[in-house]
Amino acid sequence: MSSGELDRTASAPAPVPIEKHPRLVGLLFCAFTSVCGYFFIWTPLEQAARHEPEVHVPSLQATGLFASMFALGFMLLVGGPRVAAAVKDSSGPENKTARVAIIIGVVVLGLALFAAVELRLAQLGYK
């Protein structure tokens, strides 16, 4: 095989399904959204509290997304396989109810954090 050819016998590792390792997926969600939340939420609020002349908010709408992703990751981390089954499989009325409750809870949490950050920035004189 020349150096320009690809080795077709080597295969890429299979993706980790959520139902096999829900707690690992939840931990990764929590870690990723915590880092993003620091830069997208905490840092701008800190700058506003110090009354800096310019506060850079990368995306105010992303605050809701990060809160929602963190909530889902936390539920996977704590609930493990039961939450993963409720999120993935909608067979049966109990799973549909759990799925709807999870979706509503995650969306409400995201909207609440979005509104709280926007309100706090407005209180500090930033819009």
Protein backbone atom coordinates (compact mmCIF):
# COMPACT_ATOMS: atom_id res chain seq x y z
CA MET A 1 0.00 0.00 0.00
CA SER A 2 1.34 3.41 -0.92
CA SER A 3 1.35 6.30 1.49
CA GLY A 4 -1.50 8.03 -0.39
CA GLU A 5 -3.96 5.10 -0.06
CA LEU A 6 -6.30 4.60 2.86
CA ASP A 7 -6.32 1.38 4.84
CA ARG A 8 -9.84 0.04 4.30
CA THR A 9 -9.41 -2.77 6.86
CA ALA A 10 -9.19 -0.38 9.80
CA SER A 11 -12.61 0.71 10.94
CA ALA A 12 -13.62 3.68 13.04
CA PRO A 13 -14.82 2.90 16.55
CA ALA A 14 -18.56 2.53 16.85
CA PRO A 15 -20.37 5.41 18.54
CA VAL A 16 -21.34 4.84 22.15
CA PRO A 17 -25.11 4.37 22.31
CA ILE A 18 -26.83 6.33 25.03
CA GLU A 19 -28.62 3.26 26.37
CA LYS A 20 -25.33 1.43 27.07
CA HIS A 21 -23.62 4.26 28.96
CA PRO A 22 -26.24 6.82 30.02
CA ARG A 23 -24.30 8.02 33.05
CA LEU A 24 -21.18 8.66 30.94
CA VAL A 25 -23.24 10.59 28.40
CA GLY A 26 -24.84 12.56 31.24
CA LEU A 27 -21.43 13.34 32.71
CA LEU A 28 -20.17 14.56 29.33
CA PHE A 29 -23.29 16.73 28.87
CA CYS A 30 -22.81 18.25 32.33
CA ALA A 31 -19.10 18.88 31.80
CA PHE A 32 -19.57 20.44 28.35
CA THR A 33 -22.43 22.69 29.40
CA SER A 34 -20.64 23.74 32.60
CA VAL A 35 -17.64 24.96 30.60
CA CYS A 36 -19.88 26.72 28.06
CA GLY A 37 -22.05 28.15 30.83
CA TYR A 38 -18.99 29.65 32.47
CA PHE A 39 -18.05 31.53 29.31
CA PHE A 40 -21.57 32.35 28.09
CA ILE A 41 -23.33 33.10 31.40
CA TRP A 42 -21.01 33.53 34.37
CA THR A 43 -18.29 35.65 32.74
CA PRO A 44 -20.69 38.24 31.24
CA LEU A 45 -22.60 38.52 34.53
CA GLU A 46 -19.32 39.01 36.37
CA GLN A 47 -18.28 41.74 33.90
CA ALA A 48 -21.66 43.45 34.34
CA ALA A 49 -21.39 43.29 38.13
CA ARG A 50 -17.99 45.04 37.90
CA HIS A 51 -19.71 47.70 35.73
CA GLU A 52 -17.27 47.29 32.87
CA PRO A 53 -17.97 49.65 29.96
CA GLU A 54 -18.61 46.78 27.55
CA VAL A 55 -19.98 43.35 28.35
CA HIS A 56 -19.62 40.71 25.68
CA VAL A 57 -22.45 38.17 25.70
CA PRO A 58 -21.73 35.63 22.94
CA SER A 59 -25.36 34.54 22.70
CA LEU A 60 -28.06 35.25 25.22
CA GLN A 61 -30.31 32.61 23.64
CA ALA A 62 -27.59 30.01 24.21
CA THR A 63 -28.09 30.38 27.96
CA GLY A 64 -31.42 28.58 27.65
CA LEU A 65 -29.89 25.88 25.48
CA PHE A 66 -27.06 25.27 27.94
CA ALA A 67 -29.45 25.06 30.87
CA SER A 68 -31.60 22.57 28.98
CA MET A 69 -28.61 20.44 28.00
CA PHE A 70 -27.27 20.54 31.56
CA ALA A 71 -30.65 19.45 32.94
CA LEU A 72 -30.82 16.54 30.51
CA GLY A 73 -27.25 15.54 31.34
CA PHE A 74 -27.95 15.74 35.06
CA MET A 75 -31.05 13.57 34.67
CA LEU A 76 -29.02 10.99 32.73
CA LEU A 77 -26.25 11.11 35.32
CA VAL A 78 -28.64 10.58 38.24
CA GLY A 79 -31.36 8.46 36.61
CA GLY A 80 -29.13 6.38 34.38
CA PRO A 81 -30.83 3.68 32.30
CA ARG A 82 -34.36 4.60 33.40
CA VAL A 83 -34.07 8.15 32.05
CA ALA A 84 -32.30 6.95 28.91
CA ALA A 85 -35.16 4.51 28.24
CA ALA A 86 -37.75 7.24 28.79
CA VAL A 87 -35.93 9.60 26.43
CA LYS A 88 -35.27 7.02 23.71
CA ASP A 89 -38.24 4.65 23.76
CA SER A 90 -41.78 5.98 23.66
CA SER A 91 -43.62 2.65 23.80
CA GLY A 92 -46.20 2.56 26.52
CA PRO A 93 -48.10 5.38 28.19
CA GLU A 94 -45.71 5.65 31.15
CA ASN A 95 -42.74 6.34 28.86
CA LYS A 96 -44.71 8.91 26.87
CA THR A 97 -45.67 10.67 30.09
CA ALA A 98 -42.08 10.61 31.31
CA ARG A 99 -40.82 11.93 27.98
CA VAL A 100 -43.32 14.80 27.99
CA ALA A 101 -42.44 15.63 31.62
CA ILE A 102 -38.72 15.64 30.79
CA ILE A 103 -39.21 17.86 27.75
CA ILE A 104 -41.43 20.32 29.61
CA GLY A 105 -39.05 20.47 32.58
CA VAL A 106 -35.99 21.02 30.40
CA VAL A 107 -37.69 23.74 28.32
CA VAL A 108 -39.03 25.55 31.40
CA LEU A 109 -35.58 25.48 33.03
CA GLY A 110 -33.96 26.85 29.87
CA LEU A 111 -36.50 29.65 29.53
CA ALA A 112 -36.20 30.51 33.22
CA LEU A 113 -32.42 30.83 33.05
CA PHE A 114 -32.64 32.86 29.84
CA ALA A 115 -35.10 35.26 31.49
CA ALA A 116 -33.04 35.47 34.69
CA VAL A 117 -29.81 36.34 32.86
CA GLU A 118 -31.58 38.88 30.66
CA LEU A 119 -33.27 40.46 33.69
CA ARG A 120 -30.03 40.63 35.69
CA LEU A 121 -28.18 42.28 32.80
CA ALA A 122 -31.03 44.79 32.43
CA GLN A 123 -30.93 45.54 36.19
CA LEU A 124 -27.23 46.28 35.87
CA GLY A 125 -27.88 48.67 32.98
CA TYR A 126 -26.92 46.45 30.06
CA LYS A 127 -29.27 45.53 27.27
